[in-house]
Every structure is written in structure tokens, then in C-alpha cells.
Amino acid sequence: TSHTAILAKALDIPAVVGCRDILADVRGGDTVIVDGVS
């Protein structure tokens, strides 16, 4: 029910929320994959 979820659907782009501690693993410029289904 988060705003990110609501607006991502409106924008029609993939979104993953509640991804704990992800900022500890990712750095700006890293190649990443987002699977909004799983």
C-alpha cells in the first residue's frame, strides 16, 4: 500500500519495495536487474 507501489503502477514501471539493506550492496553506476514479478 506504499506510495512507491501506487505510483509505480500508475507510471507502469517495475518496482520492488521492502528490499532490506539493499543500499549496503549497491553503488551508483552499478549494473542492476529488477524483477518486479518475483
All heavy atoms as atom14 arrays in JSON, in Angstrom:
{
  "sequence": "TSHTAILAKALDIPAVVGCRDILADVRGGDTVIVDGVS",
  "atom14_mask": [
    [1, 1, 1, 1, 1, 1, 1, 0, 0, 0, 0, 0, 0, 0],
    [1, 1, 1, 1, 1, 1, 0, 0, 0, 0, 0, 0, 0, 0],
    [1, 1, 1, 1, 1, 1, 1, 1, 1, 1, 0, 0, 0, 0],
    [1, 1, 1, 1, 1, 1, 1, 0, 0, 0, 0, 0, 0, 0],
    [1, 1, 1, 1, 1, 0, 0, 0, 0, 0, 0, 0, 0, 0],
    [1, 1, 1, 1, 1, 1, 1, 1, 0, 0, 0, 0, 0, 0],
    [1, 1, 1, 1, 1, 1, 1, 1, 0, 0, 0, 0, 0, 0],
    [1, 1, 1, 1, 1, 0, 0, 0, 0, 0, 0, 0, 0, 0],
    [1, 1, 1, 1, 1, 1, 1, 1, 1, 0, 0, 0, 0, 0],
    [1, 1, 1, 1, 1, 0, 0, 0, 0, 0, 0, 0, 0, 0],
    [1, 1, 1, 1, 1, 1, 1, 1, 0, 0, 0, 0, 0, 0],
    [1, 1, 1, 1, 1, 1, 1, 1, 0, 0, 0, 0, 0, 0],
    [1, 1, 1, 1, 1, 1, 1, 1, 0, 0, 0, 0, 0, 0],
    [1, 1, 1, 1, 1, 1, 1, 0, 0, 0, 0, 0, 0, 0],
    [1, 1, 1, 1, 1, 0, 0, 0, 0, 0, 0, 0, 0, 0],
    [1, 1, 1, 1, 1, 1, 1, 0, 0, 0, 0, 0, 0, 0],
    [1, 1, 1, 1, 1, 1, 1, 0, 0, 0, 0, 0, 0, 0],
    [1, 1, 1, 1, 0, 0, 0, 0, 0, 0, 0, 0, 0, 0],
    [1, 1, 1, 1, 1, 1, 0, 0, 0, 0, 0, 0, 0, 0],
    [1, 1, 1, 1, 1, 1, 1, 1, 1, 1, 1, 0, 0, 0],
    [1, 1, 1, 1, 1, 1, 1, 1, 0, 0, 0, 0, 0, 0],
    [1, 1, 1, 1, 1, 1, 1, 1, 0, 0, 0, 0, 0, 0],
    [1, 1, 1, 1, 1, 1, 1, 1, 0, 0, 0, 0, 0, 0],
    [1, 1, 1, 1, 1, 0, 0, 0, 0, 0, 0, 0, 0, 0],
    [1, 1, 1, 1, 1, 1, 1, 1, 0, 0, 0, 0, 0, 0],
    [1, 1, 1, 1, 1, 1, 1, 0, 0, 0, 0, 0, 0, 0],
    [1, 1, 1, 1, 1, 1, 1, 1, 1, 1, 1, 0, 0, 0],
    [1, 1, 1, 1, 0, 0, 0, 0, 0, 0, 0, 0, 0, 0],
    [1, 1, 1, 1, 0, 0, 0, 0, 0, 0, 0, 0, 0, 0],
    [1, 1, 1, 1, 1, 1, 1, 1, 0, 0, 0, 0, 0, 0],
    [1, 1, 1, 1, 1, 1, 1, 0, 0, 0, 0, 0, 0, 0],
    [1, 1, 1, 1, 1, 1, 1, 0, 0, 0, 0, 0, 0, 0],
    [1, 1, 1, 1, 1, 1, 1, 1, 0, 0, 0, 0, 0, 0],
    [1, 1, 1, 1, 1, 1, 1, 0, 0, 0, 0, 0, 0, 0],
    [1, 1, 1, 1, 1, 1, 1, 1, 0, 0, 0, 0, 0, 0],
    [1, 1, 1, 1, 0, 0, 0, 0, 0, 0, 0, 0, 0, 0],
    [1, 1, 1, 1, 1, 1, 1, 0, 0, 0, 0, 0, 0, 0],
    [1, 1, 1, 1, 1, 1, 0, 0, 0, 0, 0, 0, 0, 0]
  ],
  "atom14_positions": [
    [[0.82, -1.22, 0.0], [0.0, 0.0, 0.0], [0.85, 1.26, 0.0], [0.31, 2.36, 0.12], [-0.92, 0.03, 1.24], [-0.11, 0.06, 2.42], [-1.83, -1.18, 1.28], [0.0, 0.0, 0.0], [0.0, 0.0, 0.0], [0.0, 0.0, 0.0], [0.0, 0.0, 0.0], [0.0, 0.0, 0.0], [0.0, 0.0, 0.0], [0.0, 0.0, 0.0]],
    [[2.16, 1.15, -0.13], [3.05, 2.31, -0.06], [2.85, 3.21, -1.28], [2.4, 2.78, -2.34], [4.51, 1.88, 0.04], [4.92, 1.22, -1.14], [0.0, 0.0, 0.0], [0.0, 0.0, 0.0], [0.0, 0.0, 0.0], [0.0, 0.0, 0.0], [0.0, 0.0, 0.0], [0.0, 0.0, 0.0], [0.0, 0.0, 0.0], [0.0, 0.0, 0.0]],
    [[3.24, 4.47, -1.12], [3.14, 5.41, -2.23], [3.99, 4.96, -3.41], [3.6, 5.13, -4.57], [3.59, 6.8, -1.78], [2.67, 7.46, -0.82], [1.33, 7.62, -1.08], [2.87, 7.99, 0.4], [0.75, 8.24, -0.07], [1.66, 8.47, 0.85], [0.0, 0.0, 0.0], [0.0, 0.0, 0.0], [0.0, 0.0, 0.0], [0.0, 0.0, 0.0]],
    [[5.15, 4.4, -3.13], [6.01, 3.91, -4.21], [5.27, 2.87, -5.05], [5.33, 2.88, -6.27], [7.31, 3.32, -3.65], [8.0, 4.33, -2.89], [8.22, 2.82, -4.76], [0.0, 0.0, 0.0], [0.0, 0.0, 0.0], [0.0, 0.0, 0.0], [0.0, 0.0, 0.0], [0.0, 0.0, 0.0], [0.0, 0.0, 0.0], [0.0, 0.0, 0.0]],
    [[4.56, 1.97, -4.37], [3.81, 0.92, -5.07], [2.7, 1.52, -5.93], [2.55, 1.18, -7.11], [3.22, -0.06, -4.07], [0.0, 0.0, 0.0], [0.0, 0.0, 0.0], [0.0, 0.0, 0.0], [0.0, 0.0, 0.0], [0.0, 0.0, 0.0], [0.0, 0.0, 0.0], [0.0, 0.0, 0.0], [0.0, 0.0, 0.0], [0.0, 0.0, 0.0]],
    [[1.93, 2.43, -5.36], [0.8, 3.03, -6.06], [1.26, 3.8, -7.29], [0.72, 3.65, -8.39], [0.01, 3.95, -5.12], [-0.63, 3.14, -3.99], [-1.05, 4.74, -5.88], [-1.19, 3.99, -2.87], [0.0, 0.0, 0.0], [0.0, 0.0, 0.0], [0.0, 0.0, 0.0], [0.0, 0.0, 0.0], [0.0, 0.0, 0.0], [0.0, 0.0, 0.0]],
    [[2.3, 4.61, -7.12], [2.74, 5.46, -8.21], [3.53, 4.69, -9.26], [3.5, 5.03, -10.44], [3.55, 6.63, -7.66], [2.7, 7.63, -6.88], [3.56, 8.61, -6.1], [1.78, 8.41, -7.8], [0.0, 0.0, 0.0], [0.0, 0.0, 0.0], [0.0, 0.0, 0.0], [0.0, 0.0, 0.0], [0.0, 0.0, 0.0], [0.0, 0.0, 0.0]],
    [[4.24, 3.64, -8.86], [4.96, 2.82, -9.83], [3.98, 2.15, -10.78], [4.21, 2.05, -11.99], [5.81, 1.77, -9.13], [0.0, 0.0, 0.0], [0.0, 0.0, 0.0], [0.0, 0.0, 0.0], [0.0, 0.0, 0.0], [0.0, 0.0, 0.0], [0.0, 0.0, 0.0], [0.0, 0.0, 0.0], [0.0, 0.0, 0.0], [0.0, 0.0, 0.0]],
    [[2.84, 1.7, -10.24], [1.81, 1.1, -11.09], [1.22, 2.13, -12.04], [0.95, 1.85, -13.2], [0.71, 0.49, -10.22], [1.14, -0.79, -9.5], [0.04, -1.3, -8.59], [0.5, -2.55, -7.84], [-0.53, -3.02, -6.88], [0.0, 0.0, 0.0], [0.0, 0.0, 0.0], [0.0, 0.0, 0.0], [0.0, 0.0, 0.0], [0.0, 0.0, 0.0]],
    [[1.04, 3.36, -11.53], [0.5, 4.42, -12.38], [1.49, 4.77, -13.5], [1.08, 5.06, -14.63], [0.19, 5.66, -11.54], [0.0, 0.0, 0.0], [0.0, 0.0, 0.0], [0.0, 0.0, 0.0], [0.0, 0.0, 0.0], [0.0, 0.0, 0.0], [0.0, 0.0, 0.0], [0.0, 0.0, 0.0], [0.0, 0.0, 0.0], [0.0, 0.0, 0.0]],
    [[2.78, 4.75, -13.17], [3.81, 5.02, -14.17], [4.07, 3.83, -15.08], [4.72, 3.96, -16.11], [5.12, 5.41, -13.46], [5.13, 6.78, -12.77], [6.34, 6.89, -11.83], [5.17, 7.91, -13.79], [0.0, 0.0, 0.0], [0.0, 0.0, 0.0], [0.0, 0.0, 0.0], [0.0, 0.0, 0.0], [0.0, 0.0, 0.0], [0.0, 0.0, 0.0]],
    [[3.59, 2.66, -14.64], [3.76, 1.42, -15.4], [5.24, 1.05, -15.53], [5.72, 0.71, -16.61], [3.12, 1.53, -16.78], [2.89, 0.16, -17.43], [2.86, -0.84, -16.69], [2.75, 0.09, -18.67], [0.0, 0.0, 0.0], [0.0, 0.0, 0.0], [0.0, 0.0, 0.0], [0.0, 0.0, 0.0], [0.0, 0.0, 0.0], [0.0, 0.0, 0.0]],
    [[5.97, 1.13, -14.4], [7.36, 0.69, -14.37], [7.54, -0.31, -13.23], [6.82, -0.25, -12.23], [8.36, 1.85, -14.2], [8.09, 2.64, -12.9], [8.33, 2.77, -15.41], [9.1, 3.74, -12.64], [0.0, 0.0, 0.0], [0.0, 0.0, 0.0], [0.0, 0.0, 0.0], [0.0, 0.0, 0.0], [0.0, 0.0, 0.0], [0.0, 0.0, 0.0]],
    [[8.48, -1.26, -13.36], [8.68, -2.25, -12.3], [9.13, -1.6, -11.0], [9.84, -0.59, -11.0], [9.8, -3.15, -12.86], [9.89, -2.85, -14.31], [9.41, -1.45, -14.48], [0.0, 0.0, 0.0], [0.0, 0.0, 0.0], [0.0, 0.0, 0.0], [0.0, 0.0, 0.0], [0.0, 0.0, 0.0], [0.0, 0.0, 0.0], [0.0, 0.0, 0.0]],
    [[8.72, -2.2, -9.87], [9.13, -1.68, -8.57], [9.21, -2.81, -7.56], [8.37, -3.71, -7.55], [8.17, -0.6, -8.08], [0.0, 0.0, 0.0], [0.0, 0.0, 0.0], [0.0, 0.0, 0.0], [0.0, 0.0, 0.0], [0.0, 0.0, 0.0], [0.0, 0.0, 0.0], [0.0, 0.0, 0.0], [0.0, 0.0, 0.0], [0.0, 0.0, 0.0]],
    [[10.23, -2.75, -6.72], [10.4, -3.68, -5.61], [10.58, -2.85, -4.35], [11.44, -1.97, -4.29], [11.62, -4.6, -5.81], [11.87, -5.46, -4.57], [11.43, -5.48, -7.04], [0.0, 0.0, 0.0], [0.0, 0.0, 0.0], [0.0, 0.0, 0.0], [0.0, 0.0, 0.0], [0.0, 0.0, 0.0], [0.0, 0.0, 0.0], [0.0, 0.0, 0.0]],
    [[9.75, -3.1, -3.34], [9.85, -2.38, -2.06], [10.17, -3.39, -0.96], [10.11, -4.6, -1.17], [8.56, -1.62, -1.74], [8.23, -0.63, -2.84], [7.39, -2.58, -1.53], [0.0, 0.0, 0.0], [0.0, 0.0, 0.0], [0.0, 0.0, 0.0], [0.0, 0.0, 0.0], [0.0, 0.0, 0.0], [0.0, 0.0, 0.0], [0.0, 0.0, 0.0]],
    [[10.49, -2.88, 0.22], [10.81, -3.77, 1.34], [12.04, -4.62, 1.08], [12.17, -5.72, 1.64], [0.0, 0.0, 0.0], [0.0, 0.0, 0.0], [0.0, 0.0, 0.0], [0.0, 0.0, 0.0], [0.0, 0.0, 0.0], [0.0, 0.0, 0.0], [0.0, 0.0, 0.0], [0.0, 0.0, 0.0], [0.0, 0.0, 0.0], [0.0, 0.0, 0.0]],
    [[12.96, -4.1, 0.27], [14.2, -4.84, -0.06], [15.27, -4.42, 0.95], [16.07, -3.51, 0.7], [14.63, -4.54, -1.49], [15.86, -5.66, -2.15], [0.0, 0.0, 0.0], [0.0, 0.0, 0.0], [0.0, 0.0, 0.0], [0.0, 0.0, 0.0], [0.0, 0.0, 0.0], [0.0, 0.0, 0.0], [0.0, 0.0, 0.0], [0.0, 0.0, 0.0]],
    [[15.25, -5.07, 2.09], [16.06, -4.63, 3.23], [17.56, -4.67, 2.96], [18.06, -5.64, 2.38], [15.72, -5.47, 4.46], [14.31, -5.21, 4.97], [14.03, -5.94, 6.26], [14.0, -7.39, 6.05], [13.86, -8.28, 7.03], [13.78, -7.86, 8.28], [13.81, -9.56, 6.76], [0.0, 0.0, 0.0], [0.0, 0.0, 0.0], [0.0, 0.0, 0.0]],
    [[18.23, -3.59, 3.38], [19.7, -3.47, 3.32], [20.26, -3.48, 1.9], [21.46, -3.69, 1.7], [20.38, -4.59, 4.14], [19.95, -4.57, 5.6], [19.79, -3.48, 6.14], [19.78, -5.66, 6.18], [0.0, 0.0, 0.0], [0.0, 0.0, 0.0], [0.0, 0.0, 0.0], [0.0, 0.0, 0.0], [0.0, 0.0, 0.0], [0.0, 0.0, 0.0]],
    [[19.43, -3.23, 0.89], [19.93, -3.22, -0.48], [20.94, -2.11, -0.71], [21.87, -2.25, -1.51], [18.75, -3.1, -1.49], [19.25, -3.26, -2.93], [18.02, -1.78, -1.34], [19.82, -4.59, -3.26], [0.0, 0.0, 0.0], [0.0, 0.0, 0.0], [0.0, 0.0, 0.0], [0.0, 0.0, 0.0], [0.0, 0.0, 0.0], [0.0, 0.0, 0.0]],
    [[20.82, -0.98, 0.03], [21.74, 0.13, -0.17], [23.16, -0.2, 0.27], [24.12, 0.45, -0.15], [21.25, 1.38, 0.58], [19.9, 1.96, 0.12], [19.64, 3.29, 0.81], [19.86, 2.13, -1.39], [0.0, 0.0, 0.0], [0.0, 0.0, 0.0], [0.0, 0.0, 0.0], [0.0, 0.0, 0.0], [0.0, 0.0, 0.0], [0.0, 0.0, 0.0]],
    [[23.3, -1.23, 1.1], [24.63, -1.65, 1.52], [25.35, -2.41, 0.4], [26.58, -2.53, 0.41], [24.54, -2.54, 2.76], [0.0, 0.0, 0.0], [0.0, 0.0, 0.0], [0.0, 0.0, 0.0], [0.0, 0.0, 0.0], [0.0, 0.0, 0.0], [0.0, 0.0, 0.0], [0.0, 0.0, 0.0], [0.0, 0.0, 0.0], [0.0, 0.0, 0.0]],
    [[24.59, -2.91, -0.57], [25.17, -3.72, -1.64], [25.37, -2.98, -2.95], [26.21, -3.35, -3.76], [24.27, -4.94, -1.93], [24.25, -5.94, -0.79], [25.05, -5.77, 0.15], [23.43, -6.86, -0.83], [0.0, 0.0, 0.0], [0.0, 0.0, 0.0], [0.0, 0.0, 0.0], [0.0, 0.0, 0.0], [0.0, 0.0, 0.0], [0.0, 0.0, 0.0]],
    [[24.55, -1.94, -3.16], [24.57, -1.29, -4.47], [25.31, 0.05, -4.41], [25.3, 0.74, -3.4], [23.13, -1.08, -4.98], [22.39, -0.02, -4.16], [23.12, -0.71, -6.46], [0.0, 0.0, 0.0], [0.0, 0.0, 0.0], [0.0, 0.0, 0.0], [0.0, 0.0, 0.0], [0.0, 0.0, 0.0], [0.0, 0.0, 0.0], [0.0, 0.0, 0.0]],
    [[25.98, 0.38, -5.51], [26.68, 1.65, -5.66], [26.19, 2.33, -6.94], [25.82, 1.67, -7.9], [28.2, 1.45, -5.74], [28.8, 0.83, -4.49], [28.8, 1.81, -3.31], [29.37, 1.2, -2.11], [28.66, 0.57, -1.2], [27.35, 0.44, -1.37], [29.22, 0.06, -0.13], [0.0, 0.0, 0.0], [0.0, 0.0, 0.0], [0.0, 0.0, 0.0]],
    [[26.24, 3.65, -6.95], [25.83, 4.38, -8.14], [26.62, 3.93, -9.36], [27.85, 3.8, -9.3], [0.0, 0.0, 0.0], [0.0, 0.0, 0.0], [0.0, 0.0, 0.0], [0.0, 0.0, 0.0], [0.0, 0.0, 0.0], [0.0, 0.0, 0.0], [0.0, 0.0, 0.0], [0.0, 0.0, 0.0], [0.0, 0.0, 0.0], [0.0, 0.0, 0.0]],
    [[25.93, 3.67, -10.45], [26.6, 3.23, -11.67], [26.66, 1.73, -11.84], [27.0, 1.23, -12.92], [0.0, 0.0, 0.0], [0.0, 0.0, 0.0], [0.0, 0.0, 0.0], [0.0, 0.0, 0.0], [0.0, 0.0, 0.0], [0.0, 0.0, 0.0], [0.0, 0.0, 0.0], [0.0, 0.0, 0.0], [0.0, 0.0, 0.0], [0.0, 0.0, 0.0]],
    [[26.33, 0.97, -10.78], [26.32, -0.49, -10.89], [25.26, -0.95, -11.89], [24.16, -0.37, -11.96], [25.98, -1.15, -9.53], [27.17, -1.2, -8.58], [28.3, -0.96, -9.04], [26.94, -1.47, -7.39], [0.0, 0.0, 0.0], [0.0, 0.0, 0.0], [0.0, 0.0, 0.0], [0.0, 0.0, 0.0], [0.0, 0.0, 0.0], [0.0, 0.0, 0.0]],
    [[25.57, -1.99, -12.65], [24.54, -2.62, -13.46], [23.65, -3.45, -12.54], [24.15, -4.2, -11.69], [25.18, -3.54, -14.52], [25.99, -2.75, -15.4], [24.1, -4.25, -15.34], [0.0, 0.0, 0.0], [0.0, 0.0, 0.0], [0.0, 0.0, 0.0], [0.0, 0.0, 0.0], [0.0, 0.0, 0.0], [0.0, 0.0, 0.0], [0.0, 0.0, 0.0]],
    [[22.34, -3.29, -12.68], [21.4, -3.98, -11.81], [20.24, -4.56, -12.62], [19.95, -4.1, -13.73], [20.83, -3.05, -10.71], [21.92, -2.62, -9.75], [20.15, -1.84, -11.34], [0.0, 0.0, 0.0], [0.0, 0.0, 0.0], [0.0, 0.0, 0.0], [0.0, 0.0, 0.0], [0.0, 0.0, 0.0], [0.0, 0.0, 0.0], [0.0, 0.0, 0.0]],
    [[19.6, -5.55, -12.04], [18.4, -6.14, -12.62], [17.29, -6.06, -11.58], [17.49, -6.4, -10.42], [18.63, -7.62, -13.01], [19.63, -7.72, -14.17], [17.32, -8.3, -13.39], [20.07, -9.14, -14.46], [0.0, 0.0, 0.0], [0.0, 0.0, 0.0], [0.0, 0.0, 0.0], [0.0, 0.0, 0.0], [0.0, 0.0, 0.0], [0.0, 0.0, 0.0]],
    [[16.11, -5.61, -12.01], [14.94, -5.55, -11.13], [13.86, -6.45, -11.7], [13.45, -6.28, -12.86], [14.42, -4.11, -10.98], [13.17, -4.09, -10.11], [15.48, -3.2, -10.41], [0.0, 0.0, 0.0], [0.0, 0.0, 0.0], [0.0, 0.0, 0.0], [0.0, 0.0, 0.0], [0.0, 0.0, 0.0], [0.0, 0.0, 0.0], [0.0, 0.0, 0.0]],
    [[13.44, -7.41, -10.89], [12.37, -8.33, -11.28], [11.13, -7.96, -10.46], [11.0, -8.37, -9.3], [12.81, -9.77, -11.0], [11.8, -10.81, -11.49], [10.61, -10.46, -11.59], [12.2, -11.96, -11.73], [0.0, 0.0, 0.0], [0.0, 0.0, 0.0], [0.0, 0.0, 0.0], [0.0, 0.0, 0.0], [0.0, 0.0, 0.0], [0.0, 0.0, 0.0]],
    [[10.25, -7.18, -11.06], [9.04, -6.75, -10.35], [8.0, -7.83, -10.19], [7.02, -7.64, -9.5], [0.0, 0.0, 0.0], [0.0, 0.0, 0.0], [0.0, 0.0, 0.0], [0.0, 0.0, 0.0], [0.0, 0.0, 0.0], [0.0, 0.0, 0.0], [0.0, 0.0, 0.0], [0.0, 0.0, 0.0], [0.0, 0.0, 0.0], [0.0, 0.0, 0.0]],
    [[8.23, -8.98, -10.81], [7.31, -10.11, -10.68], [7.64, -10.93, -9.43], [6.78, -11.21, -8.59], [7.34, -11.0, -11.93], [6.43, -12.22, -11.76], [6.94, -10.2, -13.17], [0.0, 0.0, 0.0], [0.0, 0.0, 0.0], [0.0, 0.0, 0.0], [0.0, 0.0, 0.0], [0.0, 0.0, 0.0], [0.0, 0.0, 0.0], [0.0, 0.0, 0.0]],
    [[8.92, -11.29, -9.3], [9.34, -12.12, -8.16], [9.79, -11.29, -6.96], [9.9, -11.81, -5.85], [10.5, -13.04, -8.58], [11.67, -12.28, -8.83], [0.0, 0.0, 0.0], [0.0, 0.0, 0.0], [0.0, 0.0, 0.0], [0.0, 0.0, 0.0], [0.0, 0.0, 0.0], [0.0, 0.0, 0.0], [0.0, 0.0, 0.0], [0.0, 0.0, 0.0]]
  ]
}
